Amino acid sequence: CYDGLQCARLQAPLDWENPGNPRKVAIAIVRLPAKVP
């Protein structure tokens, strides 16, 4: 994504105190990779 970057959507519980709740959030994440492998 974004010309040389990497993107992910990380799914997580809406309610961390009740992870069994079926409602979820998707956290948008972008990674600029390090200059070395």
PDB file of all heavy atoms in Angstrom:
ATOM      1  N   CYS A   1       0.838  -1.198   0.000  1.00  0.00           N
ATOM      2  CA  CYS A   1       0.000   0.000   0.000  1.00  0.00           C
ATOM      3  C   CYS A   1       0.871   1.245   0.000  1.00  0.00           C
ATOM      4  O   CYS A   1       2.065   1.169   0.331  1.00  0.00           O
ATOM      5  CB  CYS A   1      -0.937   0.018   1.230  1.00  0.00           C
ATOM      6  SG  CYS A   1      -0.056   0.052   2.828  1.00  0.00           S
ATOM      7  N   TYR A   2       0.298   2.366  -0.354  1.00  0.00           N
ATOM      8  CA  TYR A   2       0.946   3.674  -0.194  1.00  0.00           C
ATOM      9  C   TYR A   2       2.393   3.710  -0.700  1.00  0.00           C
ATOM     10  O   TYR A   2       3.274   4.241  -0.036  1.00  0.00           O
ATOM     11  CB  TYR A   2       0.931   4.102   1.280  1.00  0.00           C
ATOM     12  CG  TYR A   2      -0.435   4.296   1.869  1.00  0.00           C
ATOM     13  CD1 TYR A   2      -0.805   3.611   3.028  1.00  0.00           C
ATOM     14  CD2 TYR A   2      -1.353   5.173   1.305  1.00  0.00           C
ATOM     15  CE1 TYR A   2      -2.054   3.775   3.592  1.00  0.00           C
ATOM     16  CE2 TYR A   2      -2.612   5.350   1.863  1.00  0.00           C
ATOM     17  CZ  TYR A   2      -2.957   4.649   3.001  1.00  0.00           C
ATOM     18  OH  TYR A   2      -4.195   4.829   3.564  1.00  0.00           O
ATOM     19  N   ASP A   3       2.633   3.131  -1.875  1.00  0.00           N
ATOM     20  CA  ASP A   3       3.924   3.284  -2.542  1.00  0.00           C
ATOM     21  C   ASP A   3       5.096   2.857  -1.661  1.00  0.00           C
ATOM     22  O   ASP A   3       5.901   3.674  -1.200  1.00  0.00           O
ATOM     23  CB  ASP A   3       4.112   4.739  -2.987  1.00  0.00           C
ATOM     24  CG  ASP A   3       5.320   4.913  -3.898  1.00  0.00           C
ATOM     25  OD1 ASP A   3       5.753   3.913  -4.480  1.00  0.00           O
ATOM     26  OD2 ASP A   3       5.824   6.046  -4.013  1.00  0.00           O
ATOM     27  N   GLY A   4       5.191   1.562  -1.412  1.00  0.00           N
ATOM     28  CA  GLY A   4       6.336   1.033  -0.677  1.00  0.00           C
ATOM     29  C   GLY A   4       6.060   0.673   0.764  1.00  0.00           C
ATOM     30  O   GLY A   4       6.953   0.149   1.448  1.00  0.00           O
ATOM     31  N   LEU A   5       4.849   0.915   1.255  1.00  0.00           N
ATOM     32  CA  LEU A   5       4.492   0.549   2.624  1.00  0.00           C
ATOM     33  C   LEU A   5       3.656  -0.725   2.606  1.00  0.00           C
ATOM     34  O   LEU A   5       3.291  -1.246   1.551  1.00  0.00           O
ATOM     35  CB  LEU A   5       3.729   1.691   3.299  1.00  0.00           C
ATOM     36  CG  LEU A   5       4.434   3.047   3.336  1.00  0.00           C
ATOM     37  CD1 LEU A   5       3.626   4.034   4.139  1.00  0.00           C
ATOM     38  CD2 LEU A   5       5.839   2.928   3.891  1.00  0.00           C
ATOM     39  N   GLN A   6       3.344  -1.214   3.799  1.00  0.00           N
ATOM     40  CA  GLN A   6       2.529  -2.401   3.933  1.00  0.00           C
ATOM     41  C   GLN A   6       1.406  -2.133   4.939  1.00  0.00           C
ATOM     42  O   GLN A   6       1.643  -1.512   5.980  1.00  0.00           O
ATOM     43  CB  GLN A   6       3.371  -3.594   4.407  1.00  0.00           C
ATOM     44  CG  GLN A   6       4.438  -4.004   3.416  1.00  0.00           C
ATOM     45  CD  GLN A   6       5.270  -5.180   3.906  1.00  0.00           C
ATOM     46  OE1 GLN A   6       5.472  -5.355   5.108  1.00  0.00           O
ATOM     47  NE2 GLN A   6       5.750  -5.998   2.988  1.00  0.00           N
ATOM     48  N   CYS A   7       0.221  -2.597   4.612  1.00  0.00           N
ATOM     49  CA  CYS A   7      -0.959  -2.325   5.446  1.00  0.00           C
ATOM     50  C   CYS A   7      -1.615  -3.627   5.882  1.00  0.00           C
ATOM     51  O   CYS A   7      -1.577  -4.641   5.182  1.00  0.00           O
ATOM     52  CB  CYS A   7      -1.984  -1.486   4.670  1.00  0.00           C
ATOM     53  SG  CYS A   7      -1.439   0.208   4.325  1.00  0.00           S
ATOM     54  N   ALA A   8      -2.236  -3.561   7.054  1.00  0.00           N
ATOM     55  CA  ALA A   8      -2.987  -4.688   7.589  1.00  0.00           C
ATOM     56  C   ALA A   8      -4.168  -4.158   8.379  1.00  0.00           C
ATOM     57  O   ALA A   8      -4.157  -3.012   8.842  1.00  0.00           O
ATOM     58  CB  ALA A   8      -2.098  -5.560   8.481  1.00  0.00           C
ATOM     59  N   ARG A   9      -5.188  -4.994   8.522  1.00  0.00           N
ATOM     60  CA  ARG A   9      -6.317  -4.683   9.409  1.00  0.00           C
ATOM     61  C   ARG A   9      -6.378  -5.799  10.441  1.00  0.00           C
ATOM     62  O   ARG A   9      -6.687  -6.943  10.124  1.00  0.00           O
ATOM     63  CB  ARG A   9      -7.629  -4.570   8.631  1.00  0.00           C
ATOM     64  CG  ARG A   9      -7.650  -3.411   7.640  1.00  0.00           C
ATOM     65  CD  ARG A   9      -8.942  -3.379   6.846  1.00  0.00           C
ATOM     66  NE  ARG A   9     -10.074  -3.024   7.692  1.00  0.00           N
ATOM     67  CZ  ARG A   9     -11.348  -3.294   7.373  1.00  0.00           C
ATOM     68  NH1 ARG A   9     -11.644  -3.952   6.262  1.00  0.00           N
ATOM     69  NH2 ARG A   9     -12.321  -2.919   8.185  1.00  0.00           N
ATOM     70  N   LEU A  10      -6.045  -5.445  11.672  1.00  0.00           N
ATOM     71  CA  LEU A  10      -5.936  -6.434  12.747  1.00  0.00           C
ATOM     72  C   LEU A  10      -7.249  -6.497  13.514  1.00  0.00           C
ATOM     73  O   LEU A  10      -7.667  -5.520  14.138  1.00  0.00           O
ATOM     74  CB  LEU A  10      -4.791  -6.065  13.686  1.00  0.00           C
ATOM     75  CG  LEU A  10      -4.472  -7.054  14.803  1.00  0.00           C
ATOM     76  CD1 LEU A  10      -4.095  -8.420  14.234  1.00  0.00           C
ATOM     77  CD2 LEU A  10      -3.348  -6.519  15.687  1.00  0.00           C
ATOM     78  N   GLN A  11      -7.878  -7.646  13.475  1.00  0.00           N
ATOM     79  CA  GLN A  11      -9.163  -7.831  14.160  1.00  0.00           C
ATOM     80  C   GLN A  11      -8.934  -8.080  15.642  1.00  0.00           C
ATOM     81  O   GLN A  11      -8.043  -8.836  16.032  1.00  0.00           O
ATOM     82  CB  GLN A  11      -9.919  -8.997  13.538  1.00  0.00           C
ATOM     83  CG  GLN A  11     -11.319  -9.198  14.112  1.00  0.00           C
ATOM     84  CD  GLN A  11     -12.109 -10.203  13.311  1.00  0.00           C
ATOM     85  OE1 GLN A  11     -12.589  -9.903  12.234  1.00  0.00           O
ATOM     86  NE2 GLN A  11     -12.242 -11.417  13.838  1.00  0.00           N
ATOM     87  N   ALA A  12      -9.742  -7.416  16.469  1.00  0.00           N
ATOM     88  CA  ALA A  12      -9.603  -7.539  17.923  1.00  0.00           C
ATOM     89  C   ALA A  12     -10.983  -7.458  18.559  1.00  0.00           C
ATOM     90  O   ALA A  12     -11.937  -6.974  17.945  1.00  0.00           O
ATOM     91  CB  ALA A  12      -8.710  -6.426  18.461  1.00  0.00           C
ATOM     92  N   PRO A  13     -11.107  -7.921  19.793  1.00  0.00           N
ATOM     93  CA  PRO A  13     -12.413  -7.819  20.465  1.00  0.00           C
ATOM     94  C   PRO A  13     -12.835  -6.362  20.650  1.00  0.00           C
ATOM     95  O   PRO A  13     -11.997  -5.500  20.948  1.00  0.00           O
ATOM     96  CB  PRO A  13     -12.160  -8.487  21.820  1.00  0.00           C
ATOM     97  CG  PRO A  13     -10.966  -9.355  21.628  1.00  0.00           C
ATOM     98  CD  PRO A  13     -10.118  -8.634  20.625  1.00  0.00           C
ATOM     99  N   LEU A  14     -14.104  -6.100  20.487  1.00  0.00           N
ATOM    100  CA  LEU A  14     -14.632  -4.779  20.829  1.00  0.00           C
ATOM    101  C   LEU A  14     -14.430  -4.527  22.313  1.00  0.00           C
ATOM    102  O   LEU A  14     -14.018  -3.440  22.722  1.00  0.00           O
ATOM    103  CB  LEU A  14     -16.118  -4.712  20.478  1.00  0.00           C
ATOM    104  CG  LEU A  14     -16.865  -3.445  20.936  1.00  0.00           C
ATOM    105  CD1 LEU A  14     -16.461  -2.257  20.089  1.00  0.00           C
ATOM    106  CD2 LEU A  14     -18.376  -3.668  20.896  1.00  0.00           C
ATOM    107  N   ASP A  15     -14.692  -5.542  23.121  1.00  0.00           N
ATOM    108  CA  ASP A  15     -14.617  -5.435  24.576  1.00  0.00           C
ATOM    109  C   ASP A  15     -13.558  -6.421  25.078  1.00  0.00           C
ATOM    110  O   ASP A  15     -13.790  -7.630  25.117  1.00  0.00           O
ATOM    111  CB  ASP A  15     -15.988  -5.746  25.179  1.00  0.00           C
ATOM    112  CG  ASP A  15     -16.031  -5.581  26.690  1.00  0.00           C
ATOM    113  OD1 ASP A  15     -14.966  -5.319  27.297  1.00  0.00           O
ATOM    114  OD2 ASP A  15     -17.118  -5.723  27.271  1.00  0.00           O
ATOM    115  N   TRP A  16     -12.393  -5.893  25.455  1.00  0.00           N
ATOM    116  CA  TRP A  16     -11.316  -6.772  25.901  1.00  0.00           C
ATOM    117  C   TRP A  16     -11.660  -7.488  27.201  1.00  0.00           C
ATOM    118  O   TRP A  16     -11.099  -8.550  27.500  1.00  0.00           O
ATOM    119  CB  TRP A  16     -10.028  -5.968  26.087  1.00  0.00           C
ATOM    120  CG  TRP A  16      -9.300  -5.721  24.803  1.00  0.00           C
ATOM    121  CD1 TRP A  16      -9.176  -4.554  24.118  1.00  0.00           C
ATOM    122  CD2 TRP A  16      -8.579  -6.697  24.041  1.00  0.00           C
ATOM    123  NE1 TRP A  16      -8.430  -4.722  22.976  1.00  0.00           N
ATOM    124  CE2 TRP A  16      -8.047  -6.037  22.910  1.00  0.00           C
ATOM    125  CE3 TRP A  16      -8.325  -8.060  24.190  1.00  0.00           C
ATOM    126  CZ2 TRP A  16      -7.273  -6.689  21.944  1.00  0.00           C
ATOM    127  CZ3 TRP A  16      -7.563  -8.713  23.225  1.00  0.00           C
ATOM    128  CH2 TRP A  16      -7.045  -8.028  22.123  1.00  0.00           C
ATOM    129  N   GLU A  17     -12.565  -6.935  27.991  1.00  0.00           N
ATOM    130  CA  GLU A  17     -12.959  -7.606  29.228  1.00  0.00           C
ATOM    131  C   GLU A  17     -13.990  -8.708  28.984  1.00  0.00           C
ATOM    132  O   GLU A  17     -14.262  -9.511  29.870  1.00  0.00           O
ATOM    133  CB  GLU A  17     -13.521  -6.573  30.211  1.00  0.00           C
ATOM    134  CG  GLU A  17     -12.473  -5.618  30.740  1.00  0.00           C
ATOM    135  CD  GLU A  17     -12.974  -4.822  31.916  1.00  0.00           C
ATOM    136  OE1 GLU A  17     -14.038  -4.173  31.780  1.00  0.00           O
ATOM    137  OE2 GLU A  17     -12.326  -4.841  32.970  1.00  0.00           O
ATOM    138  N   ASN A  18     -14.545  -8.714  27.781  1.00  0.00           N
ATOM    139  CA  ASN A  18     -15.503  -9.749  27.412  1.00  0.00           C
ATOM    140  C   ASN A  18     -15.184 -10.199  25.989  1.00  0.00           C
ATOM    141  O   ASN A  18     -15.917  -9.915  25.040  1.00  0.00           O
ATOM    142  CB  ASN A  18     -16.937  -9.221  27.487  1.00  0.00           C
ATOM    143  CG  ASN A  18     -17.970 -10.270  27.123  1.00  0.00           C
ATOM    144  OD1 ASN A  18     -17.695 -11.479  27.167  1.00  0.00           O
ATOM    145  ND2 ASN A  18     -19.160  -9.817  26.731  1.00  0.00           N
ATOM    146  N   PRO A  19     -14.031 -10.874  25.784  1.00  0.00           N
ATOM    147  CA  PRO A  19     -13.605 -11.235  24.431  1.00  0.00           C
ATOM    148  C   PRO A  19     -14.564 -12.175  23.710  1.00  0.00           C
ATOM    149  O   PRO A  19     -14.481 -12.322  22.491  1.00  0.00           O
ATOM    150  CB  PRO A  19     -12.234 -11.891  24.659  1.00  0.00           C
ATOM    151  CG  PRO A  19     -12.232 -12.325  26.091  1.00  0.00           C
ATOM    152  CD  PRO A  19     -13.080 -11.323  26.811  1.00  0.00           C
ATOM    153  N   GLY A  20     -15.484 -12.790  24.454  1.00  0.00           N
ATOM    154  CA  GLY A  20     -16.467 -13.643  23.818  1.00  0.00           C
ATOM    155  C   GLY A  20     -17.549 -12.879  23.085  1.00  0.00           C
ATOM    156  O   GLY A  20     -18.323 -13.472  22.312  1.00  0.00           O
ATOM    157  N   ASN A  21     -17.645 -11.587  23.320  1.00  0.00           N
ATOM    158  CA  ASN A  21     -18.607 -10.756  22.599  1.00  0.00           C
ATOM    159  C   ASN A  21     -18.323 -10.864  21.103  1.00  0.00           C
ATOM    160  O   ASN A  21     -17.190 -10.647  20.665  1.00  0.00           O
ATOM    161  CB  ASN A  21     -18.461  -9.307  23.069  1.00  0.00           C
ATOM    162  CG  ASN A  21     -19.526  -8.386  22.492  1.00  0.00           C
ATOM    163  OD1 ASN A  21     -19.969  -8.531  21.361  1.00  0.00           O
ATOM    164  ND2 ASN A  21     -19.928  -7.403  23.288  1.00  0.00           N
ATOM    165  N   PRO A  22     -19.324 -11.174  20.291  1.00  0.00           N
ATOM    166  CA  PRO A  22     -19.062 -11.363  18.851  1.00  0.00           C
ATOM    167  C   PRO A  22     -18.679 -10.075  18.119  1.00  0.00           C
ATOM    168  O   PRO A  22     -18.150 -10.140  17.010  1.00  0.00           O
ATOM    169  CB  PRO A  22     -20.379 -11.926  18.320  1.00  0.00           C
ATOM    170  CG  PRO A  22     -21.414 -11.494  19.317  1.00  0.00           C
ATOM    171  CD  PRO A  22     -20.724 -11.471  20.647  1.00  0.00           C
ATOM    172  N   ARG A  23     -18.957  -8.913  18.712  1.00  0.00           N
ATOM    173  CA  ARG A  23     -18.597  -7.652  18.051  1.00  0.00           C
ATOM    174  C   ARG A  23     -17.081  -7.488  18.042  1.00  0.00           C
ATOM    175  O   ARG A  23     -16.412  -7.725  19.050  1.00  0.00           O
ATOM    176  CB  ARG A  23     -19.240  -6.473  18.779  1.00  0.00           C
ATOM    177  CG  ARG A  23     -20.772  -6.504  18.806  1.00  0.00           C
ATOM    178  CD  ARG A  23     -21.357  -6.092  17.478  1.00  0.00           C
ATOM    179  NE  ARG A  23     -22.811  -6.015  17.558  1.00  0.00           N
ATOM    180  CZ  ARG A  23     -23.494  -4.909  17.837  1.00  0.00           C
ATOM    181  NH1 ARG A  23     -22.839  -3.776  18.059  1.00  0.00           N
ATOM    182  NH2 ARG A  23     -24.809  -4.929  17.879  1.00  0.00           N
ATOM    183  N   LYS A  24     -16.543  -7.052  16.913  1.00  0.00           N
ATOM    184  CA  LYS A  24     -15.101  -6.895  16.743  1.00  0.00           C
ATOM    185  C   LYS A  24     -14.771  -5.494  16.245  1.00  0.00           C
ATOM    186  O   LYS A  24     -15.620  -4.772  15.729  1.00  0.00           O
ATOM    187  CB  LYS A  24     -14.558  -7.931  15.738  1.00  0.00           C
ATOM    188  CG  LYS A  24     -14.898  -9.373  16.059  1.00  0.00           C
ATOM    189  CD  LYS A  24     -14.219  -9.846  17.344  1.00  0.00           C
ATOM    190  CE  LYS A  24     -14.552 -11.311  17.635  1.00  0.00           C
ATOM    191  NZ  LYS A  24     -13.945 -11.774  18.911  1.00  0.00           N
ATOM    192  N   VAL A  25     -13.499  -5.126  16.410  1.00  0.00           N
ATOM    193  CA  VAL A  25     -12.969  -3.921  15.776  1.00  0.00           C
ATOM    194  C   VAL A  25     -11.861  -4.362  14.827  1.00  0.00           C
ATOM    195  O   VAL A  25     -11.289  -5.443  14.975  1.00  0.00           O
ATOM    196  CB  VAL A  25     -12.416  -2.912  16.802  1.00  0.00           C
ATOM    197  CG1 VAL A  25     -13.513  -2.412  17.722  1.00  0.00           C
ATOM    198  CG2 VAL A  25     -11.257  -3.509  17.592  1.00  0.00           C
ATOM    199  N   ALA A  26     -11.593  -3.508  13.840  1.00  0.00           N
ATOM    200  CA  ALA A  26     -10.486  -3.749  12.907  1.00  0.00           C
ATOM    201  C   ALA A  26      -9.546  -2.554  12.990  1.00  0.00           C
ATOM    202  O   ALA A  26      -9.926  -1.437  12.622  1.00  0.00           O
ATOM    203  CB  ALA A  26     -11.004  -3.946  11.488  1.00  0.00           C
ATOM    204  N   ILE A  27      -8.352  -2.791  13.514  1.00  0.00           N
ATOM    205  CA  ILE A  27      -7.369  -1.727  13.710  1.00  0.00           C
ATOM    206  C   ILE A  27      -6.537  -1.578  12.435  1.00  0.00           C
ATOM    207  O   ILE A  27      -5.898  -2.536  11.980  1.00  0.00           O
ATOM    208  CB  ILE A  27      -6.441  -2.026  14.896  1.00  0.00           C
ATOM    209  CG1 ILE A  27      -7.271  -2.301  16.169  1.00  0.00           C
ATOM    210  CG2 ILE A  27      -5.461  -0.883  15.125  1.00  0.00           C
ATOM    211  CD1 ILE A  27      -8.134  -1.156  16.606  1.00  0.00           C
ATOM    212  N   ALA A  28      -6.560  -0.374  11.862  1.00  0.00           N
ATOM    213  CA  ALA A  28      -5.770  -0.101  10.656  1.00  0.00           C
ATOM    214  C   ALA A  28      -4.307   0.085  11.038  1.00  0.00           C
ATOM    215  O   ALA A  28      -3.985   0.887  11.917  1.00  0.00           O
ATOM    216  CB  ALA A  28      -6.301   1.143   9.953  1.00  0.00           C
ATOM    217  N   ILE A  29      -3.431  -0.648  10.375  1.00  0.00           N
ATOM    218  CA  ILE A  29      -2.002  -0.633  10.681  1.00  0.00           C
ATOM    219  C   ILE A  29      -1.221  -0.440   9.387  1.00  0.00           C
ATOM    220  O   ILE A  29      -1.526  -1.074   8.364  1.00  0.00           O
ATOM    221  CB  ILE A  29      -1.565  -1.958  11.350  1.00  0.00           C
ATOM    222  CG1 ILE A  29      -2.246  -2.108  12.719  1.00  0.00           C
ATOM    223  CG2 ILE A  29      -0.054  -2.039  11.501  1.00  0.00           C
ATOM    224  CD1 ILE A  29      -2.021  -3.456  13.369  1.00  0.00           C
ATOM    225  N   VAL A  30      -0.230   0.432   9.429  1.00  0.00           N
ATOM    226  CA  VAL A  30       0.671   0.603   8.296  1.00  0.00           C
ATOM    227  C   VAL A  30       2.096   0.399   8.788  1.00  0.00           C
ATOM    228  O   VAL A  30       2.467   0.844   9.878  1.00  0.00           O
ATOM    229  CB  VAL A  30       0.509   1.982   7.628  1.00  0.00           C
ATOM    230  CG1 VAL A  30       0.901   3.114   8.555  1.00  0.00           C
ATOM    231  CG2 VAL A  30       1.299   2.058   6.328  1.00  0.00           C
ATOM    232  N   ARG A  31       2.893  -0.290   7.981  1.00  0.00           N
ATOM    233  CA  ARG A  31       4.281  -0.618   8.341  1.00  0.00           C
ATOM    234  C   ARG A  31       5.231  -0.066   7.296  1.00  0.00           C
ATOM    235  O   ARG A  31       5.101  -0.368   6.107  1.00  0.00           O
ATOM    236  CB  ARG A  31       4.451  -2.131   8.457  1.00  0.00           C
ATOM    237  CG  ARG A  31       5.893  -2.598   8.651  1.00  0.00           C
ATOM    238  CD  ARG A  31       5.947  -4.123   8.807  1.00  0.00           C
ATOM    239  NE  ARG A  31       7.319  -4.608   8.831  1.00  0.00           N
ATOM    240  CZ  ARG A  31       7.933  -5.176   7.782  1.00  0.00           C
ATOM    241  NH1 ARG A  31       7.273  -5.330   6.642  1.00  0.00           N
ATOM    242  NH2 ARG A  31       9.184  -5.576   7.879  1.00  0.00           N
ATOM    243  N   LEU A  32       6.152   0.765   7.748  1.00  0.00           N
ATOM    244  CA  LEU A  32       7.292   1.157   6.929  1.00  0.00           C
ATOM    245  C   LEU A  32       8.414   0.183   7.251  1.00  0.00           C
ATOM    246  O   LEU A  32       8.967   0.213   8.357  1.00  0.00           O
ATOM    247  CB  LEU A  32       7.714   2.590   7.243  1.00  0.00           C
ATOM    248  CG  LEU A  32       9.039   3.071   6.619  1.00  0.00           C
ATOM    249  CD1 LEU A  32       8.952   3.075   5.093  1.00  0.00           C
ATOM    250  CD2 LEU A  32       9.409   4.452   7.154  1.00  0.00           C
ATOM    251  N   PRO A  33       8.767  -0.724   6.324  1.00  0.00           N
ATOM    252  CA  PRO A  33       9.761  -1.744   6.655  1.00  0.00           C
ATOM    253  C   PRO A  33      11.121  -1.146   6.981  1.00  0.00           C
ATOM    254  O   PRO A  33      11.504  -0.085   6.476  1.00  0.00           O
ATOM    255  CB  PRO A  33       9.831  -2.594   5.371  1.00  0.00           C
ATOM    256  CG  PRO A  33       8.543  -2.336   4.665  1.00  0.00           C
ATOM    257  CD  PRO A  33       8.195  -0.915   4.984  1.00  0.00           C
ATOM    258  N   ALA A  34      11.848  -1.848   7.834  1.00  0.00           N
ATOM    259  CA  ALA A  34      13.220  -1.458   8.146  1.00  0.00           C
ATOM    260  C   ALA A  34      14.064  -1.505   6.878  1.00  0.00           C
ATOM    261  O   ALA A  34      13.736  -2.183   5.901  1.00  0.00           O
ATOM    262  CB  ALA A  34      13.800  -2.384   9.208  1.00  0.00           C
ATOM    263  N   LYS A  35      15.181  -0.794   6.916  1.00  0.00           N
ATOM    264  CA  LYS A  35      16.055  -0.715   5.736  1.00  0.00           C
ATOM    265  C   LYS A  35      16.914  -1.961   5.565  1.00  0.00           C
ATOM    266  O   LYS A  35      17.656  -2.061   4.580  1.00  0.00           O
ATOM    267  CB  LYS A  35      16.946   0.522   5.845  1.00  0.00           C
ATOM    268  CG  LYS A  35      16.159   1.832   5.818  1.00  0.00           C
ATOM    269  CD  LYS A  35      17.061   3.022   6.088  1.00  0.00           C
ATOM    270  CE  LYS A  35      16.261   4.309   6.178  1.00  0.00           C
ATOM    271  NZ  LYS A  35      17.111   5.472   6.560  1.00  0.00           N
ATOM    272  N   VAL A  36      16.823  -2.883   6.515  1.00  0.00           N
ATOM    273  CA  VAL A  36      17.540  -4.157   6.396  1.00  0.00           C
ATOM    274  C   VAL A  36      16.523  -5.277   6.516  1.00  0.00           C
ATOM    275  O   VAL A  36      15.465  -5.117   7.136  1.00  0.00           O
ATOM    276  CB  VAL A  36      18.625  -4.295   7.490  1.00  0.00           C
ATOM    277  CG1 VAL A  36      19.679  -3.205   7.342  1.00  0.00           C
ATOM    278  CG2 VAL A  36      18.015  -4.274   8.885  1.00  0.00           C
ATOM    279  N   PRO A  37      16.802  -6.440   5.919  1.00  0.00           N
ATOM    280  CA  PRO A  37      15.856  -7.564   6.022  1.00  0.00           C
ATOM    281  C   PRO A  37      15.823  -8.119   7.436  1.00  0.00           C
ATOM    282  O   PRO A  37      16.731  -7.909   8.242  1.00  0.00           O
ATOM    283  CB  PRO A  37      16.416  -8.580   5.023  1.00  0.00           C
ATOM    284  CG  PRO A  37      17.860  -8.248   4.899  1.00  0.00           C
ATOM    285  CD  PRO A  37      17.949  -6.749   5.058  1.00  0.00           C
TER     286      PRO A  37
END
